[in-house]
Amino acid sequence: MKLVITSIKLKSVGQFFAFANHARLVLKQMKNHSVKGFKKGGFWKEHFTMSLWESEEDLKAFYTSGAHLNAVKKTNKMADEVYTLIMDGSEFPNWNEAKRLLKEKGRLKKY
């Protein structure tokens, strides 16, 4: 299984509503894919997600299509930075561990 941990830091609180709308559409898309588990956290400018996928192929089918792909294309207008970590795993770490893993092993993209 694949564990995905992400974080996004929005450019401003004003970007929250656009981000929330994209997140709503992405969550709807996720329900139609083979996600095995999902958690979210955060507030206003900083948000985190964790998801579990049966395979890398299932994960790729999700993130390269639909609402998720559309949201990614608009990230540079909404975010200062995004961290992404994809690793083998079958259960969620606690949030403190997830944030530590992101900072130590995640891929950072700044806008």
N, C-alpha and C. Protein backbone atom coordinates (compact mmCIF):
# COMPACT_ATOMS: atom_id res chain seq x y z
N MET A 1 0.84 -1.18 0.00
CA MET A 1 0.00 0.00 0.00
C MET A 1 0.88 1.23 0.00
N LYS A 2 0.30 2.34 -0.46
CA LYS A 2 0.99 3.62 -0.49
C LYS A 2 0.32 4.60 0.47
N LEU A 3 1.16 5.27 1.25
CA LEU A 3 0.73 6.33 2.15
C LEU A 3 1.17 7.65 1.54
N VAL A 4 0.25 8.60 1.44
CA VAL A 4 0.55 9.93 0.92
C VAL A 4 0.27 10.94 2.01
N ILE A 5 1.24 11.81 2.27
CA ILE A 5 1.10 12.89 3.24
C ILE A 5 1.38 14.19 2.49
N THR A 6 0.48 15.17 2.64
CA THR A 6 0.68 16.45 1.97
C THR A 6 0.39 17.60 2.93
N SER A 7 0.98 18.74 2.60
CA SER A 7 0.61 19.98 3.28
C SER A 7 0.63 21.10 2.25
N ILE A 8 -0.21 22.08 2.49
CA ILE A 8 -0.24 23.27 1.65
C ILE A 8 -0.32 24.49 2.56
N LYS A 9 0.49 25.48 2.25
CA LYS A 9 0.46 26.75 2.97
C LYS A 9 -0.04 27.80 1.99
N LEU A 10 -1.23 28.33 2.26
CA LEU A 10 -1.85 29.30 1.36
C LEU A 10 -1.13 30.65 1.43
N LYS A 11 -1.19 31.38 0.32
CA LYS A 11 -0.54 32.70 0.26
C LYS A 11 -1.17 33.68 1.25
N SER A 12 -2.49 33.57 1.41
CA SER A 12 -3.20 34.47 2.32
C SER A 12 -4.50 33.81 2.76
N VAL A 13 -5.08 34.33 3.82
CA VAL A 13 -6.37 33.84 4.29
C VAL A 13 -7.42 34.04 3.19
N GLY A 14 -7.24 35.05 2.36
CA GLY A 14 -8.17 35.31 1.26
C GLY A 14 -8.25 34.17 0.26
N GLN A 15 -7.24 33.31 0.22
CA GLN A 15 -7.24 32.17 -0.70
C GLN A 15 -8.01 30.97 -0.13
N PHE A 16 -8.42 31.08 1.13
CA PHE A 16 -9.05 29.94 1.78
C PHE A 16 -10.30 29.45 1.06
N PHE A 17 -11.16 30.36 0.63
CA PHE A 17 -12.43 29.94 0.04
C PHE A 17 -12.24 29.27 -1.32
N ALA A 18 -11.30 29.76 -2.11
CA ALA A 18 -10.99 29.09 -3.39
C ALA A 18 -10.41 27.70 -3.10
N PHE A 19 -9.50 27.63 -2.13
CA PHE A 19 -8.92 26.35 -1.75
C PHE A 19 -10.00 25.38 -1.26
N ALA A 20 -10.89 25.85 -0.41
CA ALA A 20 -11.95 24.99 0.14
C ALA A 20 -12.85 24.45 -0.96
N ASN A 21 -13.13 25.25 -1.97
CA ASN A 21 -13.95 24.78 -3.08
C ASN A 21 -13.22 23.68 -3.86
N HIS A 22 -11.94 23.89 -4.14
CA HIS A 22 -11.16 22.84 -4.81
C HIS A 22 -11.11 21.57 -3.97
N ALA A 23 -10.90 21.72 -2.66
CA ALA A 23 -10.83 20.56 -1.76
C ALA A 23 -12.14 19.78 -1.78
N ARG A 24 -13.25 20.48 -1.80
CA ARG A 24 -14.56 19.82 -1.85
C ARG A 24 -14.69 18.96 -3.11
N LEU A 25 -14.26 19.51 -4.24
CA LEU A 25 -14.35 18.76 -5.50
C LEU A 25 -13.38 17.58 -5.52
N VAL A 26 -12.20 17.77 -4.96
CA VAL A 26 -11.21 16.69 -4.90
C VAL A 26 -11.73 15.55 -4.00
N LEU A 27 -12.33 15.89 -2.88
CA LEU A 27 -12.88 14.86 -2.00
C LEU A 27 -14.00 14.08 -2.70
N LYS A 28 -14.81 14.78 -3.46
CA LYS A 28 -15.86 14.10 -4.23
C LYS A 28 -15.23 13.13 -5.24
N GLN A 29 -14.17 13.58 -5.92
CA GLN A 29 -13.47 12.71 -6.87
C GLN A 29 -12.88 11.50 -6.15
N MET A 30 -12.31 11.74 -4.98
CA MET A 30 -11.65 10.67 -4.23
C MET A 30 -12.61 9.54 -3.91
N LYS A 31 -13.87 9.87 -3.66
CA LYS A 31 -14.86 8.84 -3.33
C LYS A 31 -15.10 7.89 -4.49
N ASN A 32 -14.78 8.33 -5.71
CA ASN A 32 -14.95 7.49 -6.90
C ASN A 32 -13.69 6.70 -7.25
N HIS A 33 -12.65 6.85 -6.45
CA HIS A 33 -11.40 6.12 -6.66
C HIS A 33 -11.20 5.15 -5.51
N SER A 34 -10.17 4.35 -5.60
CA SER A 34 -9.99 3.28 -4.62
C SER A 34 -9.15 3.70 -3.42
N VAL A 35 -9.41 4.87 -2.88
CA VAL A 35 -8.72 5.29 -1.67
C VAL A 35 -9.15 4.39 -0.52
N LYS A 36 -8.20 3.96 0.28
CA LYS A 36 -8.48 3.04 1.40
C LYS A 36 -8.70 3.78 2.71
N GLY A 37 -8.24 5.03 2.77
CA GLY A 37 -8.41 5.83 3.97
C GLY A 37 -7.99 7.27 3.69
N PHE A 38 -8.57 8.19 4.43
CA PHE A 38 -8.27 9.61 4.22
C PHE A 38 -8.44 10.36 5.53
N LYS A 39 -7.51 11.28 5.80
CA LYS A 39 -7.59 12.18 6.95
C LYS A 39 -7.19 13.56 6.50
N LYS A 40 -7.78 14.57 7.11
CA LYS A 40 -7.41 15.95 6.81
C LYS A 40 -7.33 16.74 8.11
N GLY A 41 -6.55 17.80 8.06
CA GLY A 41 -6.41 18.67 9.21
C GLY A 41 -5.91 20.02 8.75
N GLY A 42 -5.92 20.96 9.65
CA GLY A 42 -5.42 22.29 9.33
C GLY A 42 -6.48 23.35 9.55
N PHE A 43 -6.05 24.58 9.34
CA PHE A 43 -6.93 25.72 9.58
C PHE A 43 -6.42 26.91 8.78
N TRP A 44 -7.30 27.67 8.21
CA TRP A 44 -7.06 28.87 7.43
C TRP A 44 -5.95 28.73 6.41
N LYS A 45 -4.72 29.04 6.78
CA LYS A 45 -3.64 29.08 5.77
C LYS A 45 -2.85 27.79 5.63
N GLU A 46 -2.92 26.89 6.60
CA GLU A 46 -2.10 25.68 6.53
C GLU A 46 -2.98 24.44 6.67
N HIS A 47 -2.87 23.53 5.69
CA HIS A 47 -3.73 22.35 5.64
C HIS A 47 -2.89 21.11 5.36
N PHE A 48 -3.35 19.97 5.89
CA PHE A 48 -2.64 18.71 5.77
C PHE A 48 -3.60 17.61 5.35
N THR A 49 -3.09 16.63 4.60
CA THR A 49 -3.88 15.45 4.27
C THR A 49 -3.02 14.20 4.40
N MET A 50 -3.68 13.09 4.66
CA MET A 50 -3.05 11.78 4.59
C MET A 50 -4.04 10.87 3.89
N SER A 51 -3.53 10.05 2.99
CA SER A 51 -4.39 9.08 2.31
C SER A 51 -3.64 7.78 2.11
N LEU A 52 -4.40 6.69 2.07
CA LEU A 52 -3.86 5.36 1.83
C LEU A 52 -4.44 4.81 0.54
N TRP A 53 -3.56 4.22 -0.28
CA TRP A 53 -3.96 3.69 -1.58
C TRP A 53 -3.48 2.26 -1.71
N GLU A 54 -4.26 1.43 -2.37
CA GLU A 54 -3.92 0.02 -2.56
C GLU A 54 -2.63 -0.13 -3.37
N SER A 55 -2.45 0.74 -4.38
CA SER A 55 -1.27 0.62 -5.24
C SER A 55 -0.87 1.98 -5.78
N GLU A 56 0.34 2.04 -6.28
CA GLU A 56 0.82 3.27 -6.91
C GLU A 56 0.00 3.60 -8.16
N GLU A 57 -0.47 2.58 -8.85
CA GLU A 57 -1.30 2.79 -10.04
C GLU A 57 -2.62 3.46 -9.67
N ASP A 58 -3.25 3.01 -8.58
CA ASP A 58 -4.49 3.63 -8.11
C ASP A 58 -4.26 5.09 -7.74
N LEU A 59 -3.17 5.34 -7.04
CA LEU A 59 -2.82 6.70 -6.64
C LEU A 59 -2.62 7.58 -7.87
N LYS A 60 -1.85 7.11 -8.82
CA LYS A 60 -1.56 7.89 -10.02
C LYS A 60 -2.82 8.17 -10.83
N ALA A 61 -3.72 7.19 -10.93
CA ALA A 61 -4.98 7.39 -11.64
C ALA A 61 -5.77 8.53 -11.00
N PHE A 62 -5.68 8.66 -9.68
CA PHE A 62 -6.38 9.74 -8.98
C PHE A 62 -5.71 11.09 -9.21
N TYR A 63 -4.42 11.18 -8.94
CA TYR A 63 -3.79 12.51 -8.94
C TYR A 63 -3.51 13.07 -10.33
N THR A 64 -3.64 12.28 -11.36
CA THR A 64 -3.41 12.78 -12.72
C THR A 64 -4.71 13.02 -13.48
N SER A 65 -5.82 13.13 -12.77
CA SER A 65 -7.10 13.31 -13.46
C SER A 65 -8.06 14.21 -12.68
N GLY A 66 -9.09 14.63 -13.37
CA GLY A 66 -10.24 15.28 -12.75
C GLY A 66 -9.96 16.50 -11.90
N ALA A 67 -10.71 16.60 -10.82
CA ALA A 67 -10.65 17.76 -9.93
C ALA A 67 -9.27 17.93 -9.30
N HIS A 68 -8.61 16.81 -9.00
CA HIS A 68 -7.28 16.92 -8.39
C HIS A 68 -6.29 17.56 -9.36
N LEU A 69 -6.28 17.10 -10.59
CA LEU A 69 -5.39 17.68 -11.59
C LEU A 69 -5.70 19.15 -11.81
N ASN A 70 -6.96 19.50 -11.85
CA ASN A 70 -7.37 20.90 -12.02
C ASN A 70 -6.89 21.76 -10.84
N ALA A 71 -7.02 21.24 -9.63
CA ALA A 71 -6.56 21.98 -8.45
C ALA A 71 -5.05 22.18 -8.47
N VAL A 72 -4.32 21.13 -8.86
CA VAL A 72 -2.85 21.23 -8.93
C VAL A 72 -2.44 22.32 -9.90
N LYS A 73 -3.12 22.42 -11.01
CA LYS A 73 -2.79 23.44 -12.01
C LYS A 73 -2.98 24.87 -11.48
N LYS A 74 -3.82 25.03 -10.47
CA LYS A 74 -4.10 26.35 -9.90
C LYS A 74 -3.36 26.62 -8.59
N THR A 75 -2.56 25.66 -8.16
CA THR A 75 -1.89 25.78 -6.87
C THR A 75 -1.00 27.01 -6.80
N ASN A 76 -0.31 27.33 -7.89
CA ASN A 76 0.61 28.47 -7.85
C ASN A 76 -0.09 29.79 -7.55
N LYS A 77 -1.39 29.87 -7.81
CA LYS A 77 -2.14 31.10 -7.51
C LYS A 77 -2.59 31.14 -6.06
N MET A 78 -2.69 29.98 -5.43
CA MET A 78 -3.22 29.90 -4.06
C MET A 78 -2.16 29.71 -2.99
N ALA A 79 -1.06 29.04 -3.32
CA ALA A 79 -0.14 28.56 -2.29
C ALA A 79 1.23 29.21 -2.34
N ASP A 80 1.86 29.30 -1.18
CA ASP A 80 3.27 29.67 -1.07
C ASP A 80 4.14 28.43 -1.21
N GLU A 81 3.67 27.32 -0.60
CA GLU A 81 4.45 26.09 -0.64
C GLU A 81 3.56 24.87 -0.46
N VAL A 82 4.04 23.77 -1.02
CA VAL A 82 3.37 22.48 -0.90
C VAL A 82 4.43 21.42 -0.62
N TYR A 83 4.18 20.59 0.39
CA TYR A 83 5.02 19.43 0.67
C TYR A 83 4.25 18.18 0.27
N THR A 84 4.95 17.21 -0.32
CA THR A 84 4.35 15.93 -0.69
C THR A 84 5.32 14.81 -0.33
N LEU A 85 4.76 13.76 0.26
CA LEU A 85 5.54 12.57 0.57
C LEU A 85 4.71 11.35 0.21
N ILE A 86 5.27 10.48 -0.62
CA ILE A 86 4.65 9.20 -0.96
C ILE A 86 5.60 8.11 -0.48
N MET A 87 5.05 7.19 0.32
CA MET A 87 5.88 6.13 0.87
C MET A 87 5.06 4.87 1.05
N ASP A 88 5.73 3.75 1.23
CA ASP A 88 5.03 2.52 1.56
C ASP A 88 4.47 2.64 2.97
N GLY A 89 3.24 2.17 3.15
CA GLY A 89 2.63 2.19 4.47
C GLY A 89 1.21 1.69 4.41
N SER A 90 0.77 1.09 5.50
CA SER A 90 -0.58 0.54 5.54
C SER A 90 -1.44 1.16 6.64
N GLU A 91 -0.88 2.11 7.38
CA GLU A 91 -1.66 2.81 8.41
C GLU A 91 -1.15 4.24 8.54
N PHE A 92 -2.01 5.08 9.10
CA PHE A 92 -1.67 6.49 9.26
C PHE A 92 -0.78 6.70 10.48
N PRO A 93 0.25 7.53 10.36
CA PRO A 93 0.97 7.96 11.56
C PRO A 93 0.12 9.00 12.28
N ASN A 94 0.50 9.36 13.51
CA ASN A 94 -0.20 10.47 14.15
C ASN A 94 0.23 11.76 13.45
N TRP A 95 -0.49 12.84 13.69
CA TRP A 95 -0.23 14.08 12.95
C TRP A 95 1.18 14.62 13.22
N ASN A 96 1.66 14.53 14.44
CA ASN A 96 3.01 15.03 14.73
C ASN A 96 4.06 14.27 13.92
N GLU A 97 3.90 12.96 13.86
CA GLU A 97 4.83 12.13 13.09
C GLU A 97 4.70 12.44 11.60
N ALA A 98 3.48 12.63 11.12
CA ALA A 98 3.26 12.94 9.71
C ALA A 98 3.95 14.26 9.34
N LYS A 99 3.82 15.26 10.17
CA LYS A 99 4.45 16.56 9.90
C LYS A 99 5.97 16.44 9.94
N ARG A 100 6.49 15.64 10.86
CA ARG A 100 7.94 15.43 10.91
C ARG A 100 8.42 14.74 9.65
N LEU A 101 7.72 13.71 9.21
CA LEU A 101 8.09 13.00 7.98
C LEU A 101 8.07 13.94 6.78
N LEU A 102 7.06 14.78 6.70
CA LEU A 102 6.99 15.73 5.58
C LEU A 102 8.21 16.63 5.53
N LYS A 103 8.56 17.20 6.67
CA LYS A 103 9.71 18.13 6.73
C LYS A 103 11.03 17.42 6.43
N GLU A 104 11.18 16.17 6.91
CA GLU A 104 12.45 15.46 6.75
C GLU A 104 12.58 14.77 5.39
N LYS A 105 11.49 14.22 4.88
CA LYS A 105 11.58 13.39 3.67
C LYS A 105 10.72 13.87 2.51
N GLY A 106 9.84 14.83 2.77
CA GLY A 106 8.92 15.27 1.73
C GLY A 106 9.58 16.13 0.66
N ARG A 107 8.90 16.22 -0.47
CA ARG A 107 9.35 17.07 -1.57
C ARG A 107 8.67 18.41 -1.40
N LEU A 108 9.43 19.49 -1.37
CA LEU A 108 8.92 20.84 -1.20
C LEU A 108 8.87 21.55 -2.54
N LYS A 109 7.72 22.17 -2.81
CA LYS A 109 7.60 23.02 -3.99
C LYS A 109 7.15 24.39 -3.52
N LYS A 110 7.95 25.42 -3.83
CA LYS A 110 7.63 26.80 -3.46
C LYS A 110 7.13 27.55 -4.68
N TYR A 111 6.21 28.47 -4.43
CA TYR A 111 5.64 29.27 -5.53
C TYR A 111 5.93 30.74 -5.32
